[in-house]
Each structure stands twice: as structure tokens, then as C-alpha cells.
Amino acid sequence: MDGFSGSNQITIRPEDQNKMDFIYPWVTFAYKMMPFGLKNVGANFLWAMSYTFYDIIRIIEAYLDDLDAYSRKRIDHPHHL
């Protein structure tokens, strides 16, 4: 499963939004959601997915922006997905 757009669902605290702003000549913009492409976004997204799927760590493994599902038996795999 691909979680590429999943990091766009992680909100940035309002007090930290001004740390991630960018300026155009006429206006200043600040991110409200975490965009991919910044330095630590991958690590933050991986931490959030590991925290979210902690209960089913033997079934779901998070790696960067991908989620891998594992099953011991073929018949259990659709249920795990």
C-alpha cells in the first residue's frame, strides 16, 4: 500500500507553522499540513505509522511512505489487508 499522500494528512501545530513558511514578493505562505519533500517528513510519517499500527506490528510494516502487509497463511491475507 502506498502512503505517499498520507503525510499530507498530518497537521502541523499552529505555533510551528511559522517555522515552515515561504515568502513571495507580495505575500507569505505557511504549511498547515506536512508536505513531502522536506527534510524530516519521511521520519515523522514513519513514526506516525509505526505508532498507529503498533498493535498489529506483525501484520503491517511501515517503510518510508509504503505500508507492507504480511500474513502467514494465504487465506488470511485479504483479511489483513
Protein backbone atom coordinates (compact mmCIF):
# COMPACT_ATOMS: atom_id res chain seq x y z
CA MET A 1 0.00 0.00 0.00
CA ASP A 2 1.31 3.40 -0.87
CA GLY A 3 1.10 6.12 1.74
CA PHE A 4 2.56 8.92 -0.37
CA SER A 5 -0.33 11.31 0.18
CA GLY A 6 -0.68 10.17 3.79
CA SER A 7 1.81 12.72 5.04
CA ASN A 8 -0.46 15.44 3.69
CA GLN A 9 -2.95 14.40 6.38
CA ILE A 10 -0.57 15.11 9.27
CA THR A 11 -1.27 18.58 10.63
CA ILE A 12 1.42 20.96 11.78
CA ARG A 13 0.81 22.63 15.12
CA PRO A 14 -0.20 26.30 14.69
CA GLU A 15 2.76 27.52 16.78
CA ASP A 16 5.16 25.67 14.43
CA GLN A 17 3.61 26.75 11.13
CA ASN A 18 5.62 29.97 11.02
CA LYS A 19 8.84 27.90 11.08
CA MET A 20 7.92 26.35 7.74
CA ASP A 21 6.75 29.39 5.82
CA PHE A 22 7.96 30.69 2.50
CA ILE A 23 7.81 34.19 1.10
CA TYR A 24 6.77 35.57 -2.25
CA PRO A 25 7.29 39.25 -3.01
CA TRP A 26 3.70 40.12 -2.11
CA VAL A 27 2.62 37.50 0.46
CA THR A 28 3.87 34.90 2.97
CA PHE A 29 2.58 31.31 2.92
CA ALA A 30 2.78 28.72 5.68
CA TYR A 31 2.10 24.99 5.52
CA LYS A 32 -0.83 23.72 7.58
CA MET A 33 -0.27 20.09 6.60
CA MET A 34 3.06 18.31 6.38
CA PRO A 35 4.26 18.22 2.74
CA PHE A 36 6.58 15.54 1.38
CA GLY A 37 9.94 16.81 0.19
CA LEU A 38 11.05 18.49 3.38
CA LYS A 39 13.94 17.11 5.39
CA ASN A 40 12.30 15.18 8.25
CA VAL A 41 8.86 14.48 6.81
CA GLY A 42 9.70 10.86 5.97
CA ALA A 43 10.89 10.18 9.50
CA ASN A 44 7.84 11.86 11.03
CA PHE A 45 5.47 9.95 8.77
CA LEU A 46 7.25 6.67 9.58
CA TRP A 47 6.99 7.42 13.30
CA ALA A 48 3.27 8.23 12.95
CA MET A 49 2.58 5.00 11.03
CA SER A 50 4.59 2.90 13.50
CA TYR A 51 2.66 4.47 16.36
CA THR A 52 -0.68 3.96 14.60
CA PHE A 53 -0.08 0.31 13.68
CA TYR A 54 1.73 -0.67 16.89
CA ASP A 55 -1.00 -3.18 17.85
CA ILE A 56 -0.69 -5.04 14.55
CA ILE A 57 3.07 -4.70 14.06
CA ARG A 58 3.31 -8.35 12.99
CA ILE A 59 0.92 -7.73 10.10
CA ILE A 60 1.70 -4.18 8.92
CA GLU A 61 5.22 -2.82 8.48
CA ALA A 62 5.79 0.82 7.62
CA TYR A 63 8.77 1.73 5.45
CA LEU A 64 9.15 5.36 4.35
CA ASP A 65 5.89 6.05 2.51
CA ASP A 66 4.87 2.41 1.97
CA LEU A 67 2.89 0.03 4.15
CA ASP A 68 3.58 -3.68 3.70
CA ALA A 69 1.11 -6.32 4.88
CA TYR A 70 2.36 -9.78 5.83
CA SER A 71 0.40 -12.96 6.52
CA ARG A 72 1.47 -16.46 7.48
CA LYS A 73 -1.37 -18.08 5.54
CA ARG A 74 -2.59 -17.11 2.10
CA ILE A 75 -6.23 -17.27 3.18
CA ASP A 76 -5.61 -14.68 5.95
CA HIS A 77 -4.05 -12.11 3.67
CA PRO A 78 -7.26 -10.47 2.32
CA HIS A 79 -8.49 -10.13 5.90
CA HIS A 80 -5.23 -8.48 6.96
CA LEU A 81 -5.41 -6.03 4.07
